[in-house]
């Protein structure tokens, strides 16, 4: 199953708790930009569409800044 992650950068405090729980290693801190809090927010780096939508990152996020979406499988 394919998934994707969106991050509400205004809520992200850059704690990076979500990064080590991603089984595919697809999350990282955005090194090139800052959010309104002055921290590097988390971003999804998934050029090969490897995200499974497992929701571990969203579960770990203390700010509820991460939303996970799964694509429906064709019948």
N, C-alpha and C. Protein backbone atom coordinates (compact mmCIF):
# COMPACT_ATOMS: atom_id res chain seq x y z
N UNK A 1 0.84 -1.18 0.00
CA UNK A 1 0.00 0.00 0.00
C UNK A 1 0.89 1.24 0.00
N UNK A 2 0.54 2.20 -0.80
CA UNK A 2 1.31 3.44 -0.88
C UNK A 2 0.70 4.48 0.02
N UNK A 3 1.54 5.31 0.58
CA UNK A 3 1.09 6.39 1.44
C UNK A 3 1.87 7.64 1.17
N UNK A 4 1.44 8.70 1.82
CA UNK A 4 2.17 9.95 1.78
C UNK A 4 1.99 10.68 3.09
N UNK A 5 2.91 11.55 3.39
CA UNK A 5 2.92 12.30 4.64
C UNK A 5 2.89 13.78 4.33
N UNK A 6 2.06 14.51 5.06
CA UNK A 6 2.10 15.97 4.99
C UNK A 6 2.41 16.49 6.38
N UNK A 7 3.18 17.56 6.42
CA UNK A 7 3.58 18.16 7.68
C UNK A 7 3.04 19.59 7.73
N UNK A 8 2.31 19.90 8.78
CA UNK A 8 1.88 21.28 9.01
C UNK A 8 3.07 21.99 9.64
N UNK A 9 3.82 22.68 8.82
CA UNK A 9 5.08 23.28 9.27
C UNK A 9 4.88 24.33 10.35
N UNK A 10 3.70 24.92 10.43
CA UNK A 10 3.45 25.91 11.47
C UNK A 10 3.35 25.26 12.85
N UNK A 11 3.03 23.97 12.89
CA UNK A 11 2.95 23.24 14.16
C UNK A 11 4.24 22.52 14.52
N UNK A 12 5.05 22.18 13.53
CA UNK A 12 6.26 21.40 13.75
C UNK A 12 7.27 22.19 14.58
N UNK A 13 7.76 21.56 15.67
CA UNK A 13 8.77 22.22 16.50
C UNK A 13 10.17 21.66 16.27
N UNK A 14 10.32 20.84 15.24
CA UNK A 14 11.63 20.34 14.87
C UNK A 14 12.25 19.40 15.88
N UNK A 15 11.43 18.71 16.64
CA UNK A 15 11.95 17.81 17.68
C UNK A 15 12.59 16.56 17.09
N UNK A 16 12.20 16.21 15.86
CA UNK A 16 12.76 15.07 15.12
C UNK A 16 12.42 13.71 15.73
N UNK A 17 11.43 13.63 16.60
CA UNK A 17 11.04 12.34 17.16
C UNK A 17 10.48 11.39 16.11
N UNK A 18 9.94 11.95 15.05
CA UNK A 18 9.35 11.13 13.99
C UNK A 18 10.39 10.49 13.09
N UNK A 19 11.55 11.08 12.99
CA UNK A 19 12.56 10.63 12.03
C UNK A 19 13.03 9.20 12.29
N UNK A 20 13.43 8.84 13.51
CA UNK A 20 13.92 7.47 13.71
C UNK A 20 12.85 6.39 13.67
N UNK A 21 11.57 6.74 13.81
CA UNK A 21 10.53 5.71 13.79
C UNK A 21 10.07 5.35 12.38
N UNK A 22 10.46 6.12 11.38
CA UNK A 22 10.08 5.80 10.00
C UNK A 22 10.84 4.55 9.55
N UNK A 23 10.12 3.45 9.27
CA UNK A 23 10.83 2.21 8.90
C UNK A 23 11.56 2.30 7.57
N UNK A 24 11.19 3.26 6.74
CA UNK A 24 11.84 3.42 5.44
C UNK A 24 12.88 4.54 5.45
N UNK A 25 13.00 5.28 6.55
CA UNK A 25 13.97 6.36 6.64
C UNK A 25 13.67 7.51 5.68
N UNK A 26 12.41 7.87 5.55
CA UNK A 26 11.99 8.86 4.55
C UNK A 26 11.82 10.28 5.10
N UNK A 27 11.99 10.47 6.38
CA UNK A 27 11.81 11.79 6.96
C UNK A 27 13.15 12.41 7.32
N UNK A 28 13.22 13.73 7.21
CA UNK A 28 14.43 14.45 7.59
C UNK A 28 14.05 15.88 7.96
N UNK A 29 14.97 16.55 8.64
CA UNK A 29 14.77 17.97 8.92
C UNK A 29 15.12 18.75 7.67
N UNK A 30 14.30 19.72 7.34
CA UNK A 30 14.53 20.56 6.16
C UNK A 30 15.68 21.50 6.47
N UNK A 31 16.82 21.24 5.89
CA UNK A 31 18.01 22.03 6.19
C UNK A 31 18.03 23.38 5.51
N UNK A 32 17.22 23.58 4.49
CA UNK A 32 17.28 24.81 3.70
C UNK A 32 16.27 25.87 4.14
N UNK A 33 15.34 25.53 5.03
CA UNK A 33 14.34 26.53 5.41
C UNK A 33 13.96 26.40 6.88
N UNK A 34 13.36 27.46 7.38
CA UNK A 34 12.87 27.53 8.75
C UNK A 34 11.37 27.79 8.74
N UNK A 35 10.69 27.39 9.79
CA UNK A 35 9.28 27.73 9.91
C UNK A 35 9.14 28.99 10.78
N UNK A 36 7.92 29.37 11.11
CA UNK A 36 7.69 30.58 11.91
C UNK A 36 8.26 30.46 13.32
N UNK A 37 8.48 29.25 13.79
CA UNK A 37 9.07 29.04 15.12
C UNK A 37 10.59 29.19 15.09
N UNK A 38 11.14 29.29 13.89
CA UNK A 38 12.58 29.44 13.76
C UNK A 38 13.34 28.13 13.79
N UNK A 39 12.65 27.03 13.50
CA UNK A 39 13.30 25.72 13.49
C UNK A 39 13.15 25.09 12.11
N UNK A 40 13.99 24.14 11.83
CA UNK A 40 13.87 23.37 10.59
C UNK A 40 12.72 22.38 10.77
N UNK A 41 11.68 22.47 9.96
CA UNK A 41 10.58 21.50 10.08
C UNK A 41 10.96 20.17 9.43
N UNK A 42 10.20 19.16 9.75
CA UNK A 42 10.39 17.85 9.15
C UNK A 42 9.79 17.85 7.76
N UNK A 43 10.42 17.11 6.86
CA UNK A 43 9.87 16.96 5.51
C UNK A 43 10.01 15.52 5.07
N UNK A 44 9.14 15.13 4.15
CA UNK A 44 9.17 13.80 3.56
C UNK A 44 10.07 13.83 2.34
N UNK A 45 11.01 12.91 2.27
CA UNK A 45 11.87 12.76 1.11
C UNK A 45 11.61 11.36 0.57
N UNK A 46 10.73 11.28 -0.45
CA UNK A 46 10.28 9.99 -0.93
C UNK A 46 10.18 9.97 -2.46
N UNK A 47 11.31 10.12 -3.16
CA UNK A 47 11.25 10.17 -4.63
C UNK A 47 10.82 8.85 -5.27
N UNK A 48 11.00 7.75 -4.59
CA UNK A 48 10.64 6.44 -5.15
C UNK A 48 9.28 5.95 -4.65
N UNK A 49 8.53 6.81 -3.98
CA UNK A 49 7.20 6.46 -3.45
C UNK A 49 7.25 5.20 -2.58
N UNK A 50 8.13 5.19 -1.61
CA UNK A 50 8.30 4.04 -0.72
C UNK A 50 7.42 4.10 0.53
N UNK A 51 6.84 5.25 0.83
CA UNK A 51 6.03 5.41 2.03
C UNK A 51 4.86 4.42 1.99
N UNK A 52 4.67 3.70 3.08
CA UNK A 52 3.59 2.72 3.17
C UNK A 52 2.38 3.27 3.91
N UNK A 53 2.49 4.46 4.48
CA UNK A 53 1.39 5.03 5.24
C UNK A 53 1.20 4.35 6.58
N UNK A 54 2.27 3.90 7.19
CA UNK A 54 2.19 3.15 8.45
C UNK A 54 1.73 3.99 9.64
N UNK A 55 1.85 5.29 9.55
CA UNK A 55 1.40 6.25 10.56
C UNK A 55 2.25 6.29 11.83
N UNK A 56 3.40 5.64 11.83
CA UNK A 56 4.26 5.70 13.01
C UNK A 56 4.75 7.13 13.28
N UNK A 57 5.05 7.86 12.22
CA UNK A 57 5.53 9.23 12.38
C UNK A 57 4.45 10.11 13.00
N UNK A 58 3.22 9.97 12.54
CA UNK A 58 2.11 10.78 13.07
C UNK A 58 1.81 10.42 14.52
N UNK A 59 1.94 9.15 14.85
CA UNK A 59 1.72 8.70 16.23
C UNK A 59 2.77 9.28 17.16
N UNK A 60 3.99 9.39 16.70
CA UNK A 60 5.09 9.88 17.52
C UNK A 60 5.07 11.39 17.70
N UNK A 61 4.48 12.13 16.77
CA UNK A 61 4.54 13.60 16.78
C UNK A 61 3.76 14.19 17.96
N UNK A 62 4.45 14.88 18.88
CA UNK A 62 3.76 15.45 20.04
C UNK A 62 2.89 16.66 19.70
N UNK A 63 3.08 17.25 18.55
CA UNK A 63 2.32 18.43 18.15
C UNK A 63 1.19 18.12 17.18
N UNK A 64 1.02 16.86 16.81
CA UNK A 64 0.02 16.44 15.81
C UNK A 64 0.17 17.24 14.52
N UNK A 65 1.42 17.44 14.12
CA UNK A 65 1.73 18.21 12.91
C UNK A 65 1.79 17.35 11.66
N UNK A 66 1.72 16.03 11.83
CA UNK A 66 1.88 15.12 10.70
C UNK A 66 0.56 14.43 10.39
N UNK A 67 0.21 14.45 9.12
CA UNK A 67 -0.96 13.71 8.63
C UNK A 67 -0.47 12.67 7.63
N UNK A 68 -1.05 11.49 7.69
CA UNK A 68 -0.66 10.40 6.80
C UNK A 68 -1.87 10.00 5.98
N UNK A 69 -1.65 9.83 4.70
CA UNK A 69 -2.70 9.43 3.78
C UNK A 69 -2.29 8.16 3.05
N UNK A 70 -3.23 7.27 2.87
CA UNK A 70 -2.97 6.02 2.13
C UNK A 70 -3.80 6.00 0.85
N UNK A 71 -3.17 5.53 -0.21
CA UNK A 71 -3.89 5.37 -1.47
C UNK A 71 -4.72 4.10 -1.41
N UNK A 72 -5.92 4.16 -1.94
CA UNK A 72 -6.76 2.98 -1.97
C UNK A 72 -6.25 2.03 -3.03
N UNK A 73 -6.26 0.74 -2.71
CA UNK A 73 -5.82 -0.26 -3.66
C UNK A 73 -6.93 -0.56 -4.65
N UNK A 74 -6.57 -0.79 -5.89
CA UNK A 74 -7.55 -1.16 -6.90
C UNK A 74 -8.13 -2.53 -6.61
N UNK A 75 -9.39 -2.67 -6.83
CA UNK A 75 -10.06 -3.95 -6.51
C UNK A 75 -9.75 -5.01 -7.54
